[in-house]
C-alpha atoms as a PDB file:
ATOM      1  CA  UNK A   1      21.192-181.193  37.621  1.00  0.00           C
ATOM      2  CA  UNK A   2      24.835-181.881  38.134  1.00  0.00           C
ATOM      3  CA  UNK A   3      27.403-179.700  36.282  1.00  0.00           C
ATOM      4  CA  UNK A   4      29.637-182.002  36.505  1.00  0.00           C
ATOM      5  CA  UNK A   5      27.720-184.730  35.427  1.00  0.00           C
ATOM      6  CA  UNK A   6      26.980-182.347  32.115  1.00  0.00           C
ATOM      7  CA  UNK A   7      30.673-182.113  30.959  1.00  0.00           C
ATOM      8  CA  UNK A   8      31.669-185.540  31.400  1.00  0.00           C
ATOM      9  CA  UNK A   9      28.369-185.895  29.045  1.00  0.00           C
ATOM     10  CA  UNK A  10      30.072-183.614  26.702  1.00  0.00           C
ATOM     11  CA  UNK A  11      33.279-185.502  26.753  1.00  0.00           C
ATOM     12  CA  UNK A  12      32.076-189.175  26.208  1.00  0.00           C
ATOM     13  CA  UNK A  13      30.122-188.012  22.515  1.00  0.00           C
ATOM     14  CA  UNK A  14      32.969-186.183  21.954  1.00  0.00           C
ATOM     15  CA  UNK A  15      35.278-189.027  22.486  1.00  0.00           C
ATOM     16  CA  UNK A  16      31.583-191.146  20.169  1.00  0.00           C
ATOM     17  CA  UNK A  17      32.648-188.792  17.028  1.00  0.00           C
ATOM     18  CA  UNK A  18      36.244-189.165  17.333  1.00  0.00           C
ATOM     19  CA  UNK A  19      35.629-192.303  17.130  1.00  0.00           C
ATOM     20  CA  UNK A  20      37.279-193.378  20.716  1.00  0.00           C
ATOM     21  CA  UNK A  21      35.673-195.858  23.037  1.00  0.00           C
ATOM     22  CA  UNK A  22      34.309-194.632  25.846  1.00  0.00           C
ATOM     23  CA  UNK A  23      32.347-195.944  28.716  1.00  0.00           C
ATOM     24  CA  UNK A  24      29.109-195.192  30.319  1.00  0.00           C
ATOM     25  CA  UNK A  25      28.030-197.175  33.261  1.00  0.00           C
ATOM     26  CA  UNK A  26      29.468-201.201  33.099  1.00  0.00           C
ATOM     27  CA  UNK A  27      29.299-200.551  28.937  1.00  0.00           C
ATOM     28  CA  UNK A  28      32.391-200.188  26.945  1.00  0.00           C
ATOM     29  CA  UNK A  29      31.373-198.703  23.590  1.00  0.00           C
ATOM     30  CA  UNK A  30      32.806-197.079  20.821  1.00  0.00           C
ATOM     31  CA  UNK A  31      30.373-196.197  17.571  1.00  0.00           C
ATOM     32  CA  UNK A  32      30.156-197.842  15.321  1.00  0.00           C
ATOM     33  CA  UNK A  33      30.540-195.546  12.100  1.00  0.00           C
ATOM     34  CA  UNK A  34      33.261-193.660  13.704  1.00  0.00           C
ATOM     35  CA  UNK A  35      34.962-196.521  14.405  1.00  0.00           C
ATOM     36  CA  UNK A  36      38.514-198.007  12.852  1.00  0.00           C
ATOM     37  CA  UNK A  37      39.597-201.740  11.950  1.00  0.00           C
ATOM     38  CA  UNK A  38      41.975-200.891  14.613  1.00  0.00           C
ATOM     39  CA  UNK A  39      40.812-199.497  16.881  1.00  0.00           C
ATOM     40  CA  UNK A  40      38.254-202.579  17.009  1.00  0.00           C
ATOM     41  CA  UNK A  41      41.049-205.076  16.745  1.00  0.00           C
ATOM     42  CA  UNK A  42      42.000-203.421  20.614  1.00  0.00           C
ATOM     43  CA  UNK A  43      39.041-203.212  21.944  1.00  0.00           C
ATOM     44  CA  UNK A  44      38.300-206.421  21.452  1.00  0.00           C
ATOM     45  CA  UNK A  45      34.733-207.366  20.831  1.00  0.00           C
ATOM     46  CA  UNK A  46      32.294-207.672  17.732  1.00  0.00           C
ATOM     47  CA  UNK A  47      29.149-207.605  19.442  1.00  0.00           C
ATOM     48  CA  UNK A  48      26.795-204.847  18.184  1.00  0.00           C
ATOM     49  CA  UNK A  49      24.497-202.699  19.600  1.00  0.00           C
ATOM     50  CA  UNK A  50      21.602-201.431  17.943  1.00  0.00           C
ATOM     51  CA  UNK A  51      18.969-199.078  18.331  1.00  0.00           C
ATOM     52  CA  UNK A  52      15.092-201.154  19.174  1.00  0.00           C
ATOM     53  CA  UNK A  53      13.517-198.960  16.090  1.00  0.00           C
ATOM     54  CA  UNK A  54      16.938-200.825  13.663  1.00  0.00           C
ATOM     55  CA  UNK A  55      16.032-204.300  15.184  1.00  0.00           C
ATOM     56  CA  UNK A  56      12.712-204.218  14.401  1.00  0.00           C
ATOM     57  CA  UNK A  57      13.755-202.776  11.196  1.00  0.00           C
ATOM     58  CA  UNK A  58      16.064-206.210  10.805  1.00  0.00           C
ATOM     59  CA  UNK A  59      13.267-208.392  12.519  1.00  0.00           C
ATOM     60  CA  UNK A  60      15.302-209.337  15.917  1.00  0.00           C
ATOM     61  CA  UNK A  61      12.445-208.425  17.589  1.00  0.00           C
ATOM     62  CA  UNK A  62       9.003-209.829  18.797  1.00  0.00           C
ATOM     63  CA  UNK A  63       6.291-207.930  18.103  1.00  0.00           C
ATOM     64  CA  UNK A  64       5.464-207.768  21.867  1.00  0.00           C
ATOM     65  CA  UNK A  65       8.816-205.819  22.739  1.00  0.00           C
ATOM     66  CA  UNK A  66       8.467-203.773  19.384  1.00  0.00           C
ATOM     67  CA  UNK A  67       5.566-201.995  20.192  1.00  0.00           C
ATOM     68  CA  UNK A  68       7.728-200.276  22.960  1.00  0.00           C
ATOM     69  CA  UNK A  69      11.155-201.568  21.891  1.00  0.00           C
ATOM     70  CA  UNK A  70      14.405-200.867  23.559  1.00  0.00           C
ATOM     71  CA  UNK A  71      18.300-201.197  22.535  1.00  0.00           C
ATOM     72  CA  UNK A  72      19.147-205.101  20.953  1.00  0.00           C
ATOM     73  CA  UNK A  73      23.161-206.295  21.580  1.00  0.00           C
ATOM     74  CA  UNK A  74      23.624-209.161  19.525  1.00  0.00           C
ATOM     75  CA  UNK A  75      26.186-211.439  20.298  1.00  0.00           C
ATOM     76  CA  UNK A  76      30.092-212.038  18.186  1.00  0.00           C
ATOM     77  CA  UNK A  77      27.546-210.035  15.146  1.00  0.00           C
ATOM     78  CA  UNK A  78      30.315-208.383  13.105  1.00  0.00           C
ATOM     79  CA  UNK A  79      34.171-208.849  13.056  1.00  0.00           C
ATOM     80  CA  UNK A  80      34.746-205.416  10.922  1.00  0.00           C
ATOM     81  CA  UNK A  81      33.664-201.867  10.914  1.00  0.00           C
ATOM     82  CA  UNK A  82      32.903-202.649   7.623  1.00  0.00           C
ATOM     83  CA  UNK A  83      30.562-205.819   8.460  1.00  0.00           C
ATOM     84  CA  UNK A  84      29.208-203.257  11.360  1.00  0.00           C
ATOM     85  CA  UNK A  85      28.109-200.903   9.358  1.00  0.00           C
ATOM     86  CA  UNK A  86      26.105-202.872   6.986  1.00  0.00           C
ATOM     87  CA  UNK A  87      23.975-203.913   9.392  1.00  0.00           C
ATOM     88  CA  UNK A  88      23.392-200.739  10.973  1.00  0.00           C
ATOM     89  CA  UNK A  89      23.529-198.378   8.010  1.00  0.00           C
ATOM     90  CA  UNK A  90      20.734-198.997   5.804  1.00  0.00           C
ATOM     91  CA  UNK A  91      22.039-197.418   2.859  1.00  0.00           C
ATOM     92  CA  UNK A  92      23.526-200.799   2.801  1.00  0.00           C
ATOM     93  CA  UNK A  93      20.545-202.990   3.017  1.00  0.00           C
ATOM     94  CA  UNK A  94      20.574-203.809  -0.537  1.00  0.00           C
ATOM     95  CA  UNK A  95      23.908-204.652  -0.976  1.00  0.00           C
ATOM     96  CA  UNK A  96      23.356-206.984   2.254  1.00  0.00           C
ATOM     97  CA  UNK A  97      20.553-207.806   1.524  1.00  0.00           C
ATOM     98  CA  UNK A  98      21.667-211.063   3.554  1.00  0.00           C
ATOM     99  CA  UNK A  99      21.771-210.409   7.500  1.00  0.00           C
ATOM    100  CA  UNK A 100      22.987-212.986  10.684  1.00  0.00           C
ATOM    101  CA  UNK A 101      21.445-215.427  11.992  1.00  0.00           C
ATOM    102  CA  UNK A 102      22.261-213.172  14.979  1.00  0.00           C
ATOM    103  CA  UNK A 103      21.907-214.653  18.664  1.00  0.00           C
ATOM    104  CA  UNK A 104      19.951-211.088  20.898  1.00  0.00           C
ATOM    105  CA  UNK A 105      21.533-210.844  24.351  1.00  0.00           C
ATOM    106  CA  UNK A 106      20.936-209.335  27.441  1.00  0.00           C
ATOM    107  CA  UNK A 107      22.239-205.526  26.607  1.00  0.00           C
ATOM    108  CA  UNK A 108      23.835-205.959  29.963  1.00  0.00           C
ATOM    109  CA  UNK A 109      23.200-202.468  31.245  1.00  0.00           C
ATOM    110  CA  UNK A 110      19.646-201.527  30.017  1.00  0.00           C
ATOM    111  CA  UNK A 111      20.092-197.570  31.282  1.00  0.00           C
ATOM    112  CA  UNK A 112      23.081-196.769  29.748  1.00  0.00           C
ATOM    113  CA  UNK A 113      22.309-199.017  26.458  1.00  0.00           C
ATOM    114  CA  UNK A 114      19.160-196.229  26.482  1.00  0.00           C
ATOM    115  CA  UNK A 115      21.983-193.415  26.761  1.00  0.00           C
ATOM    116  CA  UNK A 116      24.012-194.520  24.101  1.00  0.00           C
ATOM    117  CA  UNK A 117      21.178-194.010  21.772  1.00  0.00           C
ATOM    118  CA  UNK A 118      20.490-190.855  23.115  1.00  0.00           C
ATOM    119  CA  UNK A 119      24.343-189.403  22.608  1.00  0.00           C
ATOM    120  CA  UNK A 120      24.562-191.293  19.013  1.00  0.00           C
ATOM    121  CA  UNK A 121      21.607-188.652  18.357  1.00  0.00           C
ATOM    122  CA  UNK A 122      23.101-185.312  19.523  1.00  0.00           C
ATOM    123  CA  UNK A 123      26.222-186.827  17.988  1.00  0.00           C
ATOM    124  CA  UNK A 124      24.832-186.640  14.587  1.00  0.00           C
ATOM    125  CA  UNK A 125      25.705-190.533  14.702  1.00  0.00           C
ATOM    126  CA  UNK A 126      23.535-193.550  13.516  1.00  0.00           C
ATOM    127  CA  UNK A 127      22.882-195.424  16.628  1.00  0.00           C
ATOM    128  CA  UNK A 128      25.340-198.494  16.394  1.00  0.00           C
ATOM    129  CA  UNK A 129      28.207-198.953  18.805  1.00  0.00           C
ATOM    130  CA  UNK A 130      30.494-202.109  18.801  1.00  0.00           C
ATOM    131  CA  UNK A 131      29.726-203.360  22.557  1.00  0.00           C
ATOM    132  CA  UNK A 132      31.204-205.058  25.558  1.00  0.00           C
ATOM    133  CA  UNK A 133      31.395-205.674  29.490  1.00  0.00           C
ATOM    134  CA  UNK A 134      32.986-202.249  31.285  1.00  0.00           C
ATOM    135  CA  UNK A 135      37.246-204.335  30.936  1.00  0.00           C
ATOM    136  CA  UNK A 136      39.907-201.907  33.617  1.00  0.00           C
ATOM    137  CA  UNK A 137      39.977-198.493  33.506  1.00  0.00           C
ATOM    138  CA  UNK A 138      38.545-196.366  31.189  1.00  0.00           C
ATOM    139  CA  UNK A 139      39.984-192.836  29.513  1.00  0.00           C
ATOM    140  CA  UNK A 140      35.885-191.068  29.005  1.00  0.00           C
ATOM    141  CA  UNK A 141      33.214-192.285  30.708  1.00  0.00           C
ATOM    142  CA  UNK A 142      29.740-190.999  31.851  1.00  0.00           C
ATOM    143  CA  UNK A 143      26.321-192.323  33.547  1.00  0.00           C
ATOM    144  CA  UNK A 144      23.447-192.116  32.548  1.00  0.00           C
ATOM    145  CA  UNK A 145      22.084-189.966  34.515  1.00  0.00           C
ATOM    146  CA  UNK A 146      24.972-187.059  33.361  1.00  0.00           C
ATOM    147  CA  UNK A 147      23.115-187.765  30.178  1.00  0.00           C
ATOM    148  CA  UNK A 148      20.405-186.238  31.639  1.00  0.00           C
ATOM    149  CA  UNK A 149      22.060-183.677  33.641  1.00  0.00           C
ATOM    150  CA  UNK A 150      23.365-182.654  29.995  1.00  0.00           C
ATOM    151  CA  UNK A 151      19.781-182.489  28.766  1.00  0.00           C
ATOM    152  CA  UNK A 152      18.496-181.006  31.460  1.00  0.00           C
ATOM    153  CA  UNK A 153      16.503-177.386  29.957  1.00  0.00           C
ATOM    154  CA  UNK A 154      16.886-176.099  32.673  1.00  0.00           C
ATOM    155  CA  UNK A 155      20.481-175.686  31.624  1.00  0.00           C
ATOM    156  CA  UNK A 156      20.117-172.833  29.369  1.00  0.00           C
ATOM    157  CA  UNK A 157      19.825-169.612  29.691  1.00  0.00           C
ATOM    158  CA  UNK A 158      19.643-165.683  27.580  1.00  0.00           C
ATOM    159  CA  UNK A 159      24.238-165.062  26.088  1.00  0.00           C
ATOM    160  CA  UNK A 160      22.662-162.465  23.580  1.00  0.00           C
ATOM    161  CA  UNK A 161      20.168-159.965  21.945  1.00  0.00           C
ATOM    162  CA  UNK A 162      20.178-157.663  20.048  1.00  0.00           C
ATOM    163  CA  UNK A 163      17.881-155.151  17.410  1.00  0.00           C
ATOM    164  CA  UNK A 164      17.668-157.246  14.111  1.00  0.00           C
ATOM    165  CA  UNK A 165      15.447-156.225  11.086  1.00  0.00           C
ATOM    166  CA  UNK A 166      13.817-158.709   9.263  1.00  0.00           C
ATOM    167  CA  UNK A 167      11.864-158.167   6.602  1.00  0.00           C
ATOM    168  CA  UNK A 168       8.964-159.658   8.026  1.00  0.00           C
ATOM    169  CA  UNK A 169       9.168-156.373   9.861  1.00  0.00           C
ATOM    170  CA  UNK A 170      12.523-153.704  11.258  1.00  0.00           C
ATOM    171  CA  UNK A 171      11.777-154.042  14.611  1.00  0.00           C
ATOM    172  CA  UNK A 172      12.356-157.283  15.152  1.00  0.00           C
ATOM    173  CA  UNK A 173      14.428-158.302  18.519  1.00  0.00           C
ATOM    174  CA  UNK A 174      16.368-161.394  18.294  1.00  0.00           C
ATOM    175  CA  UNK A 175      17.826-163.803  21.183  1.00  0.00           C
ATOM    176  CA  UNK A 176      20.079-165.992  21.522  1.00  0.00           C
ATOM    177  CA  UNK A 177      20.453-169.447  23.921  1.00  0.00           C
ATOM    178  CA  UNK A 178      22.876-171.496  25.082  1.00  0.00           C
ATOM    179  CA  UNK A 179      23.552-174.631  27.124  1.00  0.00           C
ATOM    180  CA  UNK A 180      27.565-174.448  28.734  1.00  0.00           C
ATOM    181  CA  UNK A 181      27.644-177.788  27.210  1.00  0.00           C
ATOM    182  CA  UNK A 182      26.643-177.743  24.112  1.00  0.00           C
ATOM    183  CA  UNK A 183      27.897-175.784  20.468  1.00  0.00           C
ATOM    184  CA  UNK A 184      24.294-175.023  18.927  1.00  0.00           C
ATOM    185  CA  UNK A 185      22.564-171.921  19.921  1.00  0.00           C
ATOM    186  CA  UNK A 186      18.724-171.931  19.809  1.00  0.00           C
ATOM    187  CA  UNK A 187      17.418-168.508  18.851  1.00  0.00           C
ATOM    188  CA  UNK A 188      13.713-166.713  19.785  1.00  0.00           C
ATOM    189  CA  UNK A 189      12.691-164.241  17.091  1.00  0.00           C
ATOM    190  CA  UNK A 190      10.579-161.002  18.265  1.00  0.00           C
ATOM    191  CA  UNK A 191       8.065-158.821  16.474  1.00  0.00           C
ATOM    192  CA  UNK A 192       5.394-156.677  16.963  1.00  0.00           C
ATOM    193  CA  UNK A 193       5.747-154.797  21.051  1.00  0.00           C
ATOM    194  CA  UNK A 194       4.826-157.267  23.107  1.00  0.00           C
ATOM    195  CA  UNK A 195       1.831-156.710  24.943  1.00  0.00           C
ATOM    196  CA  UNK A 196      -1.059-158.279  27.318  1.00  0.00           C
ATOM    197  CA  UNK A 197      -2.631-160.863  25.151  1.00  0.00           C
ATOM    198  CA  UNK A 198      -0.826-163.677  24.357  1.00  0.00           C
ATOM    199  CA  UNK A 199       1.413-163.601  21.645  1.00  0.00           C
ATOM    200  CA  UNK A 200       1.461-165.974  18.302  1.00  0.00           C
ATOM    201  CA  UNK A 201       4.272-168.317  18.746  1.00  0.00           C
ATOM    202  CA  UNK A 202       5.868-170.765  15.983  1.00  0.00           C
ATOM    203  CA  UNK A 203       7.900-173.138  17.032  1.00  0.00           C
ATOM    204  CA  UNK A 204      10.383-174.376  13.600  1.00  0.00           C
ATOM    205  CA  UNK A 205      13.221-176.668  13.915  1.00  0.00           C
ATOM    206  CA  UNK A 206      16.675-176.197  12.047  1.00  0.00           C
ATOM    207  CA  UNK A 207      16.139-177.468   8.078  1.00  0.00           C
ATOM    208  CA  UNK A 208      19.456-176.014   6.405  1.00  0.00           C
ATOM    209  CA  UNK A 209      17.519-176.989   2.892  1.00  0.00           C
ATOM    210  CA  UNK A 210      14.267-176.017   3.366  1.00  0.00           C
ATOM    211  CA  UNK A 211      15.602-172.813   5.082  1.00  0.00           C
ATOM    212  CA  UNK A 212      18.962-171.476   3.581  1.00  0.00           C
ATOM    213  CA  UNK A 213      18.376-173.704  -0.304  1.00  0.00           C
ATOM    214  CA  UNK A 214      15.031-173.826  -0.598  1.00  0.00           C
ATOM    215  CA  UNK A 215      14.894-177.798  -0.643  1.00  0.00           C
ATOM    216  CA  UNK A 216      11.721-178.402  -2.524  1.00  0.00           C
ATOM    217  CA  UNK A 217      11.692-181.587  -0.286  1.00  0.00           C
ATOM    218  CA  UNK A 218       9.956-180.807   2.749  1.00  0.00           C
ATOM    219  CA  UNK A 219       7.882-177.733   2.870  1.00  0.00           C
ATOM    220  CA  UNK A 220       9.905-175.582   5.698  1.00  0.00           C
ATOM    221  CA  UNK A 221      10.864-172.664   4.000  1.00  0.00           C
ATOM    222  CA  UNK A 222       7.082-171.062   3.093  1.00  0.00           C
ATOM    223  CA  UNK A 223       6.856-172.085   6.441  1.00  0.00           C
ATOM    224  CA  UNK A 224       9.253-170.642   8.024  1.00  0.00           C
ATOM    225  CA  UNK A 225       8.381-167.161   5.819  1.00  0.00           C
ATOM    226  CA  UNK A 226       5.441-167.676   6.263  1.00  0.00           C
ATOM    227  CA  UNK A 227       4.600-167.800  10.323  1.00  0.00           C
ATOM    228  CA  UNK A 228       6.670-164.707  10.271  1.00  0.00           C
ATOM    229  CA  UNK A 229       4.863-162.642   8.359  1.00  0.00           C
ATOM    230  CA  UNK A 230       2.059-163.565  10.165  1.00  0.00           C
ATOM    231  CA  UNK A 231       3.345-162.920  13.478  1.00  0.00           C
ATOM    232  CA  UNK A 232       3.642-158.747  11.928  1.00  0.00           C
ATOM    233  CA  UNK A 233       0.564-159.530  10.650  1.00  0.00           C
ATOM    234  CA  UNK A 234      -0.278-159.932  14.834  1.00  0.00           C
ATOM    235  CA  UNK A 235      -0.091-157.327  17.459  1.00  0.00           C
ATOM    236  CA  UNK A 236       3.374-159.477  18.363  1.00  0.00           C
ATOM    237  CA  UNK A 237       4.479-162.631  17.955  1.00  0.00           C
ATOM    238  CA  UNK A 238       7.754-165.205  19.270  1.00  0.00           C
ATOM    239  CA  UNK A 239       9.669-167.538  16.463  1.00  0.00           C
ATOM    240  CA  UNK A 240      11.551-170.379  18.193  1.00  0.00           C
ATOM    241  CA  UNK A 241      14.103-171.399  15.363  1.00  0.00           C
ATOM    242  CA  UNK A 242      15.316-175.062  17.245  1.00  0.00           C
ATOM    243  CA  UNK A 243      18.465-176.091  16.445  1.00  0.00           C
ATOM    244  CA  UNK A 244      17.021-179.997  16.016  1.00  0.00           C
ATOM    245  CA  UNK A 245      17.591-180.549  12.671  1.00  0.00           C
ATOM    246  CA  UNK A 246      15.423-183.543  10.875  1.00  0.00           C
ATOM    247  CA  UNK A 247      13.228-183.692  13.336  1.00  0.00           C
ATOM    248  CA  UNK A 248      16.143-183.990  15.981  1.00  0.00           C
ATOM    249  CA  UNK A 249      18.295-186.494  14.456  1.00  0.00           C
ATOM    250  CA  UNK A 250      21.048-184.035  12.355  1.00  0.00           C
ATOM    251  CA  UNK A 251      21.704-183.017   9.512  1.00  0.00           C
ATOM    252  CA  UNK A 252      23.697-185.971   8.348  1.00  0.00           C
ATOM    253  CA  UNK A 253      21.175-188.358   9.671  1.00  0.00           C
ATOM    254  CA  UNK A 254      18.805-186.040   7.364  1.00  0.00           C
ATOM    255  CA  UNK A 255      19.905-186.761   4.539  1.00  0.00           C
ATOM    256  CA  UNK A 256      20.719-190.482   4.707  1.00  0.00           C
ATOM    257  CA  UNK A 257      16.916-190.092   5.387  1.00  0.00           C
ATOM    258  CA  UNK A 258      16.026-188.793   2.387  1.00  0.00           C
ATOM    259  CA  UNK A 259      18.287-190.679   1.064  1.00  0.00           C
ATOM    260  CA  UNK A 260      15.569-194.021   1.666  1.00  0.00           C
ATOM    261  CA  UNK A 261      13.085-191.440   0.380  1.00  0.00           C
ATOM    262  CA  UNK A 262      14.777-191.827  -3.077  1.00  0.00           C
ATOM    263  CA  UNK A 263      14.122-195.484  -2.843  1.00  0.00           C
ATOM    264  CA  UNK A 264      10.572-195.629  -2.139  1.00  0.00           C
ATOM    265  CA  UNK A 265      10.189-194.530   1.946  1.00  0.00           C
ATOM    266  CA  UNK A 266       8.638-192.042   3.479  1.00  0.00           C
ATOM    267  CA  UNK A 267       9.776-190.459   5.496  1.00  0.00           C
ATOM    268  CA  UNK A 268       8.362-191.651   9.017  1.00  0.00           C
ATOM    269  CA  UNK A 269      10.163-195.593   7.783  1.00  0.00           C
ATOM    270  CA  UNK A 270      13.190-193.498   6.667  1.00  0.00           C
ATOM    271  CA  UNK A 271      13.772-192.570  10.724  1.00  0.00           C
ATOM    272  CA  UNK A 272      13.045-196.006  11.503  1.00  0.00           C
ATOM    273  CA  UNK A 273      14.666-197.792   9.457  1.00  0.00           C
ATOM    274  CA  UNK A 274      17.655-195.690  10.558  1.00  0.00           C
ATOM    275  CA  UNK A 275      16.974-196.461  13.309  1.00  0.00           C
ATOM    276  CA  UNK A 276      15.239-193.422  15.476  1.00  0.00           C
ATOM    277  CA  UNK A 277      11.909-192.322  16.634  1.00  0.00           C
ATOM    278  CA  UNK A 278       9.289-191.479  14.478  1.00  0.00           C
ATOM    279  CA  UNK A 279       9.768-188.421  16.758  1.00  0.00           C
ATOM    280  CA  UNK A 280      13.369-186.671  18.181  1.00  0.00           C
ATOM    281  CA  UNK A 281      12.641-183.702  19.519  1.00  0.00           C
ATOM    282  CA  UNK A 282      13.019-182.429  22.370  1.00  0.00           C
ATOM    283  CA  UNK A 283      10.013-179.604  23.343  1.00  0.00           C
ATOM    284  CA  UNK A 284      11.354-178.937  27.313  1.00  0.00           C
ATOM    285  CA  UNK A 285      13.302-177.006  25.126  1.00  0.00           C
ATOM    286  CA  UNK A 286      10.583-174.467  23.367  1.00  0.00           C
ATOM    287  CA  UNK A 287       9.187-174.563  27.465  1.00  0.00           C
ATOM    288  CA  UNK A 288      12.277-173.222  28.370  1.00  0.00           C
ATOM    289  CA  UNK A 289      12.851-170.269  26.146  1.00  0.00           C
ATOM    290  CA  UNK A 290       9.371-169.208  26.337  1.00  0.00           C
ATOM    291  CA  UNK A 291       9.649-169.257  30.127  1.00  0.00           C
ATOM    292  CA  UNK A 292      13.048-167.298  29.758  1.00  0.00           C
ATOM    293  CA  UNK A 293      11.178-165.008  27.321  1.00  0.00           C
ATOM    294  CA  UNK A 294       8.227-164.561  30.389  1.00  0.00           C
ATOM    295  CA  UNK A 295       5.264-165.364  27.067  1.00  0.00           C
ATOM    296  CA  UNK A 296       3.961-168.146  29.431  1.00  0.00           C
ATOM    297  CA  UNK A 297       0.515-168.054  27.857  1.00  0.00           C
ATOM    298  CA  UNK A 298       0.738-168.134  23.206  1.00  0.00           C
ATOM    299  CA  UNK A 299      -1.390-168.702  20.292  1.00  0.00           C
ATOM    300  CA  UNK A 300       0.364-171.482  18.416  1.00  0.00           C
ATOM    301  CA  UNK A 301       0.887-171.840  15.412  1.00  0.00           C
ATOM    302  CA  UNK A 302       0.998-175.743  14.234  1.00  0.00           C
ATOM    303  CA  UNK A 303      -0.724-178.108  11.800  1.00  0.00           C
ATOM    304  CA  UNK A 304       0.294-180.843  14.663  1.00  0.00           C
ATOM    305  CA  UNK A 305      -1.965-181.111  17.674  1.00  0.00           C
ATOM    306  CA  UNK A 306       1.453-182.686  19.380  1.00  0.00           C
ATOM    307  CA  UNK A 307       2.747-179.959  19.898  1.00  0.00           C
ATOM    308  CA  UNK A 308       0.927-178.124  21.755  1.00  0.00           C
ATOM    309  CA  UNK A 309      -0.258-181.151  23.965  1.00  0.00           C
ATOM    310  CA  UNK A 310       3.498-181.361  24.050  1.00  0.00           C
ATOM    311  CA  UNK A 311       4.342-177.765  25.541  1.00  0.00           C
ATOM    312  CA  UNK A 312       0.987-178.184  27.300  1.00  0.00           C
ATOM    313  CA  UNK A 313       3.162-180.052  29.434  1.00  0.00           C
ATOM    314  CA  UNK A 314       6.292-178.274  29.874  1.00  0.00           C
ATOM    315  CA  UNK A 315       3.430-175.534  31.034  1.00  0.00           C
ATOM    316  CA  UNK A 316       2.246-173.659  28.643  1.00  0.00           C
ATOM    317  CA  UNK A 317      -0.862-172.799  28.502  1.00  0.00           C
ATOM    318  CA  UNK A 318      -1.436-173.127  24.272  1.00  0.00           C
ATOM    319  CA  UNK A 319      -4.944-170.800  24.379  1.00  0.00           C
ATOM    320  CA  UNK A 320      -5.971-171.223  20.252  1.00  0.00           C
ATOM    321  CA  UNK A 321      -3.717-173.822  17.745  1.00  0.00           C
ATOM    322  CA  UNK A 322      -3.708-171.316  14.524  1.00  0.00           C
ATOM    323  CA  UNK A 323      -3.386-173.519  11.935  1.00  0.00           C
ATOM    324  CA  UNK A 324      -0.864-172.757   8.605  1.00  0.00           C
ATOM    325  CA  UNK A 325      -2.774-173.811   5.328  1.00  0.00           C
ATOM    326  CA  UNK A 326       0.633-173.560   1.750  1.00  0.00           C
ATOM    327  CA  UNK A 327       0.640-174.744  -1.698  1.00  0.00           C
ATOM    328  CA  UNK A 328       2.214-178.028  -2.419  1.00  0.00           C
ATOM    329  CA  UNK A 329       3.906-179.665  -5.132  1.00  0.00           C
ATOM    330  CA  UNK A 330       5.316-182.264  -6.841  1.00  0.00           C
ATOM    331  CA  UNK A 331       8.408-183.026  -5.300  1.00  0.00           C
ATOM    332  CA  UNK A 332       6.615-182.354  -1.361  1.00  0.00           C
ATOM    333  CA  UNK A 333       3.360-184.043  -1.833  1.00  0.00           C
ATOM    334  CA  UNK A 334       3.962-187.355  -0.412  1.00  0.00           C
ATOM    335  CA  UNK A 335       5.400-185.722   3.143  1.00  0.00           C
ATOM    336  CA  UNK A 336       2.659-183.856   3.624  1.00  0.00           C
ATOM    337  CA  UNK A 337       0.649-186.637   2.943  1.00  0.00           C
ATOM    338  CA  UNK A 338       2.179-188.484   4.974  1.00  0.00           C
ATOM    339  CA  UNK A 339       3.080-185.755   7.894  1.00  0.00           C
ATOM    340  CA  UNK A 340      -1.305-186.208   7.508  1.00  0.00           C
ATOM    341  CA  UNK A 341      -1.924-190.075   8.224  1.00  0.00           C
ATOM    342  CA  UNK A 342       1.435-191.166   9.613  1.00  0.00           C
ATOM    343  CA  UNK A 343       2.224-188.025  11.775  1.00  0.00           C
ATOM    344  CA  UNK A 344      -1.641-186.551  13.144  1.00  0.00           C
ATOM    345  CA  UNK A 345      -1.379-183.194  11.191  1.00  0.00           C
ATOM    346  CA  UNK A 346      -4.321-181.305  10.213  1.00  0.00           C
ATOM    347  CA  UNK A 347      -5.239-178.065   9.862  1.00  0.00           C
END
């Protein structure tokens, strides 16, 4: 684990959001979404680097590659930011139905290309870049290993804790977790009195639209409150509130996925068209939070068996899976059906 490497990666992610050029490994990059035509003219390359998922949507990969997609580089694909966005942003697909023809070439540095896609997701940007081989000196630079060190869950530590009376429990305690370089703090809410039994645990990914605004497109808000009351009825429980909006793709990209759903795509296909994996959350964070809370064994409240498997890979013993059944409405019926039919959720 490298503090200096994590700091380099954090600075590089900040540069992406600001539209500044940066170097990852042997590749120079500018994020398409935050680039300007002036910066692109100075950059001097119209090559595009896209995620494998977006490349599959654009039919740029064969079936073998599509089974395990990796980043794809398109030679001389865009000379302006608008042209790059037409390729990268699925919201523009209907306005730009004819794309290409494109010529794919070697990325030039596969590990750097993969790291760039991870960085885009953490920056909340579309996973698409103008790209060239490294030229001259770079003001902002990092290596693929630096990105790995930034995401190392061992960097997470308890930053603060306090009593927090909530509707479900007046004796609840809130615990905040953070890493030195990242702005998003994760929290745990501990309900009830700890005893020798495994607590009821709920992993809840942040959902501004559902948790705060009462969105009917998902079941996140009702699940959150039902879980808290179920914990209050148990001897004790722990809510892990993970700052991983939109299954890890960020708020802006989640709203883009909502817009694609209005065009008829389900939640899985919307994420893929945006260029993201179906599941981009990091469950190692949850494992580390439970470790810091000294909770090795849990009863996990979830309809997603994959959460059980992912936590067990992080060394957490899941002694029981507790389903969480809630009524549907006309706005989230398809969403819940997609979770059942395409991502394996079950009661």
